[in-house]
């Protein structure tokens, strides 16, 4: 295989067909020793391009910082969670391979701002939601009281049918006669104990009042619901919650009609 070598006498290159032995330079006619392992000269090589060793800035780190700042400004809870998650992921990448991934400072900034926003938003949300939850709990207790009141009203009708249209003199008589559970007379919002039958409900005997939708038969003491009002069961059988002022007016009207002779 042909190869190229430099002439030691003239310094110019020439082609040789064999290795080992001596040849004459065709250019200067000098006798040149050819080594047996002379490598063939290939095309000149170019140096490899320099690799960019600067770490790549992570988009997640930038996103973590942006979401953290937005969560602080807007108080949007999900943005704070996103900032914390992106900050943790990008920080793990930057710590594991710092030569390849950058943005460590951005990741720490996003993690910190997201965490601070969560610490601010969570108490704020609790302050807003707790009163609403307390109000919803109170409304559900009113519904329970209304259901108990309807059961007591049905027992009153059964007692009146069996006793010539007359109501019992007290709740204890009704409980014994109709085999009622004493817990029906306890309002969930009150601190009354089970068995204190007169703690919450009051019986109004309408006497000869007509069985219409404005005659009160049983009402709930307003203090059971923080003096806001109470459930009322009318002579026609339906029950409804009224505020304290309206409840007092309904009771007064019922008592006035019952005292008026027909």
C-alpha atoms as a PDB file:
ATOM      1  CA  UNK A   1       0.000   0.000   0.000  1.00  0.00           C
ATOM      2  CA  UNK A   2       1.411   3.385  -1.015  1.00  0.00           C
ATOM      3  CA  UNK A   3       2.286   5.814   1.687  1.00  0.00           C
ATOM      4  CA  UNK A   4       3.766   9.275   1.944  1.00  0.00           C
ATOM      5  CA  UNK A   5       6.852  10.252   3.867  1.00  0.00           C
ATOM      6  CA  UNK A   6       9.044  13.290   4.269  1.00  0.00           C
ATOM      7  CA  UNK A   7      12.511  13.386   2.759  1.00  0.00           C
ATOM      8  CA  UNK A   8      15.089  14.128   5.484  1.00  0.00           C
ATOM      9  CA  UNK A   9      17.330  15.865   2.940  1.00  0.00           C
ATOM     10  CA  UNK A  10      14.982  18.271   1.160  1.00  0.00           C
ATOM     11  CA  UNK A  11      12.093  18.140   3.552  1.00  0.00           C
ATOM     12  CA  UNK A  12       9.521  17.539   0.844  1.00  0.00           C
ATOM     13  CA  UNK A  13       7.005  14.715   0.696  1.00  0.00           C
ATOM     14  CA  UNK A  14       7.074  11.873  -1.783  1.00  0.00           C
ATOM     15  CA  UNK A  15       5.238   8.626  -2.287  1.00  0.00           C
ATOM     16  CA  UNK A  16       6.735   5.221  -1.534  1.00  0.00           C
ATOM     17  CA  UNK A  17       5.333   1.865  -2.667  1.00  0.00           C
ATOM     18  CA  UNK A  18       6.989  -0.369  -0.112  1.00  0.00           C
ATOM     19  CA  UNK A  19       8.146  -0.330   3.472  1.00  0.00           C
ATOM     20  CA  UNK A  20      11.519  -1.222   4.775  1.00  0.00           C
ATOM     21  CA  UNK A  21      14.851  -0.777   3.002  1.00  0.00           C
ATOM     22  CA  UNK A  22      16.189   2.280   1.185  1.00  0.00           C
ATOM     23  CA  UNK A  23      14.742   4.400  -1.626  1.00  0.00           C
ATOM     24  CA  UNK A  24      15.918   7.467  -3.434  1.00  0.00           C
ATOM     25  CA  UNK A  25      14.007  10.696  -3.166  1.00  0.00           C
ATOM     26  CA  UNK A  26      12.679  11.499  -6.651  1.00  0.00           C
ATOM     27  CA  UNK A  27      13.051  15.165  -5.904  1.00  0.00           C
ATOM     28  CA  UNK A  28      16.616  15.463  -4.607  1.00  0.00           C
ATOM     29  CA  UNK A  29      17.973  11.984  -5.416  1.00  0.00           C
ATOM     30  CA  UNK A  30      18.981  11.470  -1.790  1.00  0.00           C
ATOM     31  CA  UNK A  31      19.069   7.957  -0.361  1.00  0.00           C
ATOM     32  CA  UNK A  32      16.368   7.635   2.278  1.00  0.00           C
ATOM     33  CA  UNK A  33      15.877   4.835   4.791  1.00  0.00           C
ATOM     34  CA  UNK A  34      12.258   3.677   4.855  1.00  0.00           C
ATOM     35  CA  UNK A  35      11.160   2.218   8.180  1.00  0.00           C
ATOM     36  CA  UNK A  36       9.168  -1.006   8.049  1.00  0.00           C
ATOM     37  CA  UNK A  37       6.277   0.437  10.199  1.00  0.00           C
ATOM     38  CA  UNK A  38       5.938   3.826   8.562  1.00  0.00           C
ATOM     39  CA  UNK A  39       2.319   4.894   9.039  1.00  0.00           C
ATOM     40  CA  UNK A  40       0.499   6.255   6.092  1.00  0.00           C
ATOM     41  CA  UNK A  41      -0.256   9.911   6.398  1.00  0.00           C
ATOM     42  CA  UNK A  42      -3.937  10.636   6.201  1.00  0.00           C
ATOM     43  CA  UNK A  43      -5.720  13.913   5.753  1.00  0.00           C
ATOM     44  CA  UNK A  44      -5.044  16.461   8.429  1.00  0.00           C
ATOM     45  CA  UNK A  45      -7.416  16.196  11.321  1.00  0.00           C
ATOM     46  CA  UNK A  46      -9.314  19.094  12.816  1.00  0.00           C
ATOM     47  CA  UNK A  47      -9.502  19.606  16.529  1.00  0.00           C
ATOM     48  CA  UNK A  48     -12.845  18.587  18.080  1.00  0.00           C
ATOM     49  CA  UNK A  49     -15.130  21.497  18.805  1.00  0.00           C
ATOM     50  CA  UNK A  50     -15.105  22.683  22.364  1.00  0.00           C
ATOM     51  CA  UNK A  51     -18.069  21.457  24.375  1.00  0.00           C
ATOM     52  CA  UNK A  52     -20.201  24.040  26.062  1.00  0.00           C
ATOM     53  CA  UNK A  53     -19.666  23.143  29.675  1.00  0.00           C
ATOM     54  CA  UNK A  54     -22.009  25.822  31.066  1.00  0.00           C
ATOM     55  CA  UNK A  55     -24.985  24.219  32.906  1.00  0.00           C
ATOM     56  CA  UNK A  56     -28.400  24.436  31.273  1.00  0.00           C
ATOM     57  CA  UNK A  57     -30.840  26.605  33.159  1.00  0.00           C
ATOM     58  CA  UNK A  58     -33.972  24.630  33.987  1.00  0.00           C
ATOM     59  CA  UNK A  59     -37.357  25.877  32.897  1.00  0.00           C
ATOM     60  CA  UNK A  60     -38.911  24.233  35.954  1.00  0.00           C
ATOM     61  CA  UNK A  61     -36.806  26.395  38.255  1.00  0.00           C
ATOM     62  CA  UNK A  62     -38.015  29.528  36.485  1.00  0.00           C
ATOM     63  CA  UNK A  63     -41.600  28.244  36.615  1.00  0.00           C
ATOM     64  CA  UNK A  64     -41.257  27.548  40.339  1.00  0.00           C
ATOM     65  CA  UNK A  65     -40.155  31.111  41.026  1.00  0.00           C
ATOM     66  CA  UNK A  66     -42.891  32.606  38.843  1.00  0.00           C
ATOM     67  CA  UNK A  67     -45.605  30.479  40.452  1.00  0.00           C
ATOM     68  CA  UNK A  68     -44.284  31.291  43.921  1.00  0.00           C
ATOM     69  CA  UNK A  69     -44.392  35.032  43.279  1.00  0.00           C
ATOM     70  CA  UNK A  70     -47.878  34.826  41.760  1.00  0.00           C
ATOM     71  CA  UNK A  71     -49.154  32.807  44.703  1.00  0.00           C
ATOM     72  CA  UNK A  72     -47.882  35.474  47.089  1.00  0.00           C
ATOM     73  CA  UNK A  73     -49.487  38.274  45.102  1.00  0.00           C
ATOM     74  CA  UNK A  74     -52.809  36.632  44.212  1.00  0.00           C
ATOM     75  CA  UNK A  75     -53.202  34.278  47.230  1.00  0.00           C
ATOM     76  CA  UNK A  76     -54.154  31.429  44.894  1.00  0.00           C
ATOM     77  CA  UNK A  77     -53.582  28.197  46.808  1.00  0.00           C
ATOM     78  CA  UNK A  78     -52.837  25.852  43.823  1.00  0.00           C
ATOM     79  CA  UNK A  79     -50.063  28.143  42.561  1.00  0.00           C
ATOM     80  CA  UNK A  80     -48.232  27.747  45.850  1.00  0.00           C
ATOM     81  CA  UNK A  81     -48.427  23.958  45.586  1.00  0.00           C
ATOM     82  CA  UNK A  82     -47.127  24.057  41.991  1.00  0.00           C
ATOM     83  CA  UNK A  83     -44.248  26.313  43.047  1.00  0.00           C
ATOM     84  CA  UNK A  84     -43.204  23.950  45.821  1.00  0.00           C
ATOM     85  CA  UNK A  85     -43.375  20.863  43.584  1.00  0.00           C
ATOM     86  CA  UNK A  86     -41.428  22.462  40.718  1.00  0.00           C
ATOM     87  CA  UNK A  87     -38.883  23.890  43.135  1.00  0.00           C
ATOM     88  CA  UNK A  88     -38.221  20.503  44.728  1.00  0.00           C
ATOM     89  CA  UNK A  89     -37.878  18.697  41.365  1.00  0.00           C
ATOM     90  CA  UNK A  90     -35.552  21.299  39.850  1.00  0.00           C
ATOM     91  CA  UNK A  91     -33.494  21.519  43.045  1.00  0.00           C
ATOM     92  CA  UNK A  92     -32.993  17.733  43.052  1.00  0.00           C
ATOM     93  CA  UNK A  93     -31.823  17.849  39.422  1.00  0.00           C
ATOM     94  CA  UNK A  94     -29.453  20.738  40.029  1.00  0.00           C
ATOM     95  CA  UNK A  95     -27.978  19.059  43.108  1.00  0.00           C
ATOM     96  CA  UNK A  96     -27.597  15.675  41.419  1.00  0.00           C
ATOM     97  CA  UNK A  97     -25.863  16.925  38.238  1.00  0.00           C
ATOM     98  CA  UNK A  98     -24.669  20.523  38.718  1.00  0.00           C
ATOM     99  CA  UNK A  99     -22.514  20.395  35.568  1.00  0.00           C
ATOM    100  CA  UNK A 100     -25.578  19.732  33.424  1.00  0.00           C
ATOM    101  CA  UNK A 101     -28.407  21.497  35.227  1.00  0.00           C
ATOM    102  CA  UNK A 102     -28.394  25.009  36.596  1.00  0.00           C
ATOM    103  CA  UNK A 103     -31.041  27.197  38.160  1.00  0.00           C
ATOM    104  CA  UNK A 104     -30.363  26.106  41.724  1.00  0.00           C
ATOM    105  CA  UNK A 105     -30.930  29.606  43.054  1.00  0.00           C
ATOM    106  CA  UNK A 106     -34.165  29.982  41.099  1.00  0.00           C
ATOM    107  CA  UNK A 107     -35.372  26.638  42.427  1.00  0.00           C
ATOM    108  CA  UNK A 108     -34.644  27.680  46.007  1.00  0.00           C
ATOM    109  CA  UNK A 109     -36.413  30.995  45.413  1.00  0.00           C
ATOM    110  CA  UNK A 110     -39.500  29.262  43.992  1.00  0.00           C
ATOM    111  CA  UNK A 111     -39.537  26.761  46.846  1.00  0.00           C
ATOM    112  CA  UNK A 112     -39.297  29.499  49.462  1.00  0.00           C
ATOM    113  CA  UNK A 113     -41.907  31.807  47.937  1.00  0.00           C
ATOM    114  CA  UNK A 114     -44.302  28.888  47.371  1.00  0.00           C
ATOM    115  CA  UNK A 115     -43.854  27.693  50.948  1.00  0.00           C
ATOM    116  CA  UNK A 116     -44.373  31.174  52.381  1.00  0.00           C
ATOM    117  CA  UNK A 117     -47.514  31.670  50.303  1.00  0.00           C
ATOM    118  CA  UNK A 118     -48.939  28.377  51.572  1.00  0.00           C
ATOM    119  CA  UNK A 119     -48.214  29.387  55.153  1.00  0.00           C
ATOM    120  CA  UNK A 120     -50.098  32.629  54.546  1.00  0.00           C
ATOM    121  CA  UNK A 121     -52.984  31.236  52.499  1.00  0.00           C
ATOM    122  CA  UNK A 122     -53.866  28.240  54.695  1.00  0.00           C
ATOM    123  CA  UNK A 123     -54.664  30.298  57.841  1.00  0.00           C
ATOM    124  CA  UNK A 124     -56.542  32.797  55.695  1.00  0.00           C
ATOM    125  CA  UNK A 125     -58.654  30.052  54.146  1.00  0.00           C
ATOM    126  CA  UNK A 126     -59.349  28.558  57.564  1.00  0.00           C
ATOM    127  CA  UNK A 127     -60.428  31.954  58.868  1.00  0.00           C
ATOM    128  CA  UNK A 128     -62.865  32.245  55.971  1.00  0.00           C
ATOM    129  CA  UNK A 129     -64.141  28.673  55.950  1.00  0.00           C
ATOM    130  CA  UNK A 130     -64.546  27.997  59.667  1.00  0.00           C
ATOM    131  CA  UNK A 131     -67.429  30.471  60.176  1.00  0.00           C
ATOM    132  CA  UNK A 132     -69.131  29.058  57.088  1.00  0.00           C
ATOM    133  CA  UNK A 133     -68.708  25.517  58.388  1.00  0.00           C
ATOM    134  CA  UNK A 134     -70.039  26.552  61.777  1.00  0.00           C
ATOM    135  CA  UNK A 135     -73.042  28.176  60.127  1.00  0.00           C
ATOM    136  CA  UNK A 136     -73.715  25.102  58.009  1.00  0.00           C
ATOM    137  CA  UNK A 137     -73.525  22.929  61.134  1.00  0.00           C
ATOM    138  CA  UNK A 138     -76.078  25.141  62.872  1.00  0.00           C
ATOM    139  CA  UNK A 139     -78.437  24.977  59.888  1.00  0.00           C
ATOM    140  CA  UNK A 140     -78.219  21.183  59.886  1.00  0.00           C
ATOM    141  CA  UNK A 141     -79.110  21.160  63.584  1.00  0.00           C
ATOM    142  CA  UNK A 142     -82.174  23.257  62.830  1.00  0.00           C
ATOM    143  CA  UNK A 143     -83.269  20.636  60.323  1.00  0.00           C
ATOM    144  CA  UNK A 144     -82.845  17.912  62.947  1.00  0.00           C
ATOM    145  CA  UNK A 145     -84.939  19.910  65.421  1.00  0.00           C
ATOM    146  CA  UNK A 146     -87.657  20.368  62.813  1.00  0.00           C
ATOM    147  CA  UNK A 147     -87.768  16.631  62.140  1.00  0.00           C
ATOM    148  CA  UNK A 148     -88.022  15.883  65.880  1.00  0.00           C
ATOM    149  CA  UNK A 149     -90.773  18.450  66.201  1.00  0.00           C
ATOM    150  CA  UNK A 150     -92.810  16.767  63.444  1.00  0.00           C
ATOM    151  CA  UNK A 151     -92.597  13.428  65.224  1.00  0.00           C
ATOM    152  CA  UNK A 152     -93.790  15.015  68.466  1.00  0.00           C
ATOM    153  CA  UNK A 153     -96.635  16.685  66.549  1.00  0.00           C
ATOM    154  CA  UNK A 154     -97.782  13.322  65.133  1.00  0.00           C
ATOM    155  CA  UNK A 155     -97.744  11.856  68.640  1.00  0.00           C
ATOM    156  CA  UNK A 156     -99.893  14.780  69.806  1.00  0.00           C
ATOM    157  CA  UNK A 157    -102.472  14.027  67.134  1.00  0.00           C
ATOM    158  CA  UNK A 158    -102.598  10.375  68.182  1.00  0.00           C
ATOM    159  CA  UNK A 159    -102.986  11.355  71.825  1.00  0.00           C
ATOM    160  CA  UNK A 160    -105.744  13.850  71.003  1.00  0.00           C
ATOM    161  CA  UNK A 161    -107.636  11.272  68.943  1.00  0.00           C
ATOM    162  CA  UNK A 162    -107.552   8.859  71.871  1.00  0.00           C
ATOM    163  CA  UNK A 163    -108.518  11.490  74.472  1.00  0.00           C
ATOM    164  CA  UNK A 164    -111.447  13.357  72.984  1.00  0.00           C
ATOM    165  CA  UNK A 165    -109.393  15.973  71.145  1.00  0.00           C
ATOM    166  CA  UNK A 166    -107.504  17.129  74.226  1.00  0.00           C
ATOM    167  CA  UNK A 167    -103.731  17.535  74.412  1.00  0.00           C
ATOM    168  CA  UNK A 168    -101.685  16.060  77.295  1.00  0.00           C
ATOM    169  CA  UNK A 169    -101.039  18.279  80.324  1.00  0.00           C
ATOM    170  CA  UNK A 170     -97.260  17.889  79.963  1.00  0.00           C
ATOM    171  CA  UNK A 171     -94.596  16.212  77.859  1.00  0.00           C
ATOM    172  CA  UNK A 172     -94.059  13.398  80.359  1.00  0.00           C
ATOM    173  CA  UNK A 173     -97.643  12.270  79.878  1.00  0.00           C
ATOM    174  CA  UNK A 174     -97.201  12.263  76.099  1.00  0.00           C
ATOM    175  CA  UNK A 175     -93.929  10.308  76.292  1.00  0.00           C
ATOM    176  CA  UNK A 176     -95.541   7.664  78.497  1.00  0.00           C
ATOM    177  CA  UNK A 177     -98.771   7.427  76.509  1.00  0.00           C
ATOM    178  CA  UNK A 178     -97.197   7.326  73.045  1.00  0.00           C
ATOM    179  CA  UNK A 179     -93.939   5.552  73.991  1.00  0.00           C
ATOM    180  CA  UNK A 180     -91.775   8.364  72.636  1.00  0.00           C
ATOM    181  CA  UNK A 181     -88.008   8.549  72.955  1.00  0.00           C
ATOM    182  CA  UNK A 182     -86.903  11.383  75.296  1.00  0.00           C
ATOM    183  CA  UNK A 183     -84.073  12.346  72.900  1.00  0.00           C
ATOM    184  CA  UNK A 184     -86.701  13.777  70.523  1.00  0.00           C
ATOM    185  CA  UNK A 185     -87.170  16.659  72.982  1.00  0.00           C
ATOM    186  CA  UNK A 186     -83.476  17.633  73.020  1.00  0.00           C
ATOM    187  CA  UNK A 187     -82.216  20.265  70.579  1.00  0.00           C
ATOM    188  CA  UNK A 188     -78.723  19.427  69.224  1.00  0.00           C
ATOM    189  CA  UNK A 189     -77.729  23.098  69.536  1.00  0.00           C
ATOM    190  CA  UNK A 190     -78.661  23.335  73.215  1.00  0.00           C
ATOM    191  CA  UNK A 191     -76.794  22.078  76.214  1.00  0.00           C
ATOM    192  CA  UNK A 192     -79.842  20.306  77.575  1.00  0.00           C
ATOM    193  CA  UNK A 193     -79.555  16.755  78.808  1.00  0.00           C
ATOM    194  CA  UNK A 194     -81.611  13.881  77.462  1.00  0.00           C
ATOM    195  CA  UNK A 195     -84.638  13.479  79.739  1.00  0.00           C
ATOM    196  CA  UNK A 196     -85.195  17.202  80.390  1.00  0.00           C
ATOM    197  CA  UNK A 197     -88.394  17.278  78.348  1.00  0.00           C
ATOM    198  CA  UNK A 198     -89.225  20.947  78.887  1.00  0.00           C
ATOM    199  CA  UNK A 199     -85.762  22.335  78.074  1.00  0.00           C
ATOM    200  CA  UNK A 200     -86.416  23.007  74.370  1.00  0.00           C
ATOM    201  CA  UNK A 201     -90.037  22.491  73.243  1.00  0.00           C
ATOM    202  CA  UNK A 202     -93.085  24.371  74.514  1.00  0.00           C
ATOM    203  CA  UNK A 203     -96.671  23.128  74.005  1.00  0.00           C
ATOM    204  CA  UNK A 204     -99.307  25.753  73.213  1.00  0.00           C
ATOM    205  CA  UNK A 205    -102.872  24.426  73.565  1.00  0.00           C
ATOM    206  CA  UNK A 206    -104.819  26.304  70.900  1.00  0.00           C
ATOM    207  CA  UNK A 207    -108.115  25.193  72.457  1.00  0.00           C
ATOM    208  CA  UNK A 208    -110.848  26.021  69.951  1.00  0.00           C
ATOM    209  CA  UNK A 209    -108.611  27.786  67.457  1.00  0.00           C
ATOM    210  CA  UNK A 210    -109.154  26.671  63.851  1.00  0.00           C
ATOM    211  CA  UNK A 211    -106.624  24.171  62.394  1.00  0.00           C
ATOM    212  CA  UNK A 212    -105.025  26.689  60.045  1.00  0.00           C
ATOM    213  CA  UNK A 213    -101.442  27.513  59.077  1.00  0.00           C
ATOM    214  CA  UNK A 214    -101.091  30.392  61.564  1.00  0.00           C
ATOM    215  CA  UNK A 215    -102.022  28.696  64.820  1.00  0.00           C
ATOM    216  CA  UNK A 216     -98.964  27.590  66.799  1.00  0.00           C
ATOM    217  CA  UNK A 217     -99.103  24.210  68.556  1.00  0.00           C
ATOM    218  CA  UNK A 218     -95.439  23.602  69.461  1.00  0.00           C
ATOM    219  CA  UNK A 219     -92.520  25.988  69.316  1.00  0.00           C
ATOM    220  CA  UNK A 220     -88.848  25.774  70.149  1.00  0.00           C
ATOM    221  CA  UNK A 221     -87.282  28.117  72.664  1.00  0.00           C
ATOM    222  CA  UNK A 222     -85.131  30.714  70.832  1.00  0.00           C
ATOM    223  CA  UNK A 223     -82.243  30.346  73.282  1.00  0.00           C
ATOM    224  CA  UNK A 224     -81.668  26.826  71.972  1.00  0.00           C
ATOM    225  CA  UNK A 225     -80.311  28.390  68.766  1.00  0.00           C
ATOM    226  CA  UNK A 226     -78.418  31.333  70.232  1.00  0.00           C
ATOM    227  CA  UNK A 227     -81.579  33.504  70.493  1.00  0.00           C
ATOM    228  CA  UNK A 228     -81.783  33.578  66.698  1.00  0.00           C
ATOM    229  CA  UNK A 229     -85.159  31.865  66.650  1.00  0.00           C
ATOM    230  CA  UNK A 230     -86.709  28.422  66.718  1.00  0.00           C
ATOM    231  CA  UNK A 231     -88.788  25.854  64.899  1.00  0.00           C
ATOM    232  CA  UNK A 232     -92.550  26.205  65.000  1.00  0.00           C
ATOM    233  CA  UNK A 233     -95.143  23.494  64.372  1.00  0.00           C
ATOM    234  CA  UNK A 234     -98.572  24.798  63.371  1.00  0.00           C
ATOM    235  CA  UNK A 235    -102.045  23.414  63.836  1.00  0.00           C
ATOM    236  CA  UNK A 236    -102.247  22.264  60.222  1.00  0.00           C
ATOM    237  CA  UNK A 237     -99.199  19.991  60.734  1.00  0.00           C
ATOM    238  CA  UNK A 238     -96.394  21.849  58.959  1.00  0.00           C
ATOM    239  CA  UNK A 239     -93.206  23.024  60.711  1.00  0.00           C
ATOM    240  CA  UNK A 240     -91.010  26.001  59.902  1.00  0.00           C
ATOM    241  CA  UNK A 241     -88.106  27.963  61.409  1.00  0.00           C
ATOM    242  CA  UNK A 242     -88.767  31.589  62.446  1.00  0.00           C
ATOM    243  CA  UNK A 243     -86.559  34.345  63.805  1.00  0.00           C
ATOM    244  CA  UNK A 244     -87.066  35.319  67.429  1.00  0.00           C
ATOM    245  CA  UNK A 245     -89.145  38.470  66.721  1.00  0.00           C
ATOM    246  CA  UNK A 246     -91.482  36.680  64.329  1.00  0.00           C
ATOM    247  CA  UNK A 247     -91.760  33.731  66.699  1.00  0.00           C
ATOM    248  CA  UNK A 248     -92.921  35.944  69.572  1.00  0.00           C
ATOM    249  CA  UNK A 249     -95.498  37.576  67.315  1.00  0.00           C
ATOM    250  CA  UNK A 250     -96.886  34.212  66.173  1.00  0.00           C
ATOM    251  CA  UNK A 251     -97.196  32.964  69.761  1.00  0.00           C
ATOM    252  CA  UNK A 252     -98.953  36.157  70.845  1.00  0.00           C
ATOM    253  CA  UNK A 253    -101.431  35.916  67.975  1.00  0.00           C
ATOM    254  CA  UNK A 254    -102.199  32.265  68.756  1.00  0.00           C
ATOM    255  CA  UNK A 255    -102.779  32.989  72.423  1.00  0.00           C
ATOM    256  CA  UNK A 256    -105.011  35.949  71.526  1.00  0.00           C
ATOM    257  CA  UNK A 257    -107.188  33.820  69.242  1.00  0.00           C
ATOM    258  CA  UNK A 258    -107.433  31.073  71.855  1.00  0.00           C
ATOM    259  CA  UNK A 259    -108.561  33.571  74.498  1.00  0.00           C
ATOM    260  CA  UNK A 260    -111.190  35.107  72.225  1.00  0.00           C
ATOM    261  CA  UNK A 261    -114.584  33.362  72.635  1.00  0.00           C
ATOM    262  CA  UNK A 262    -116.076  31.987  69.416  1.00  0.00           C
END
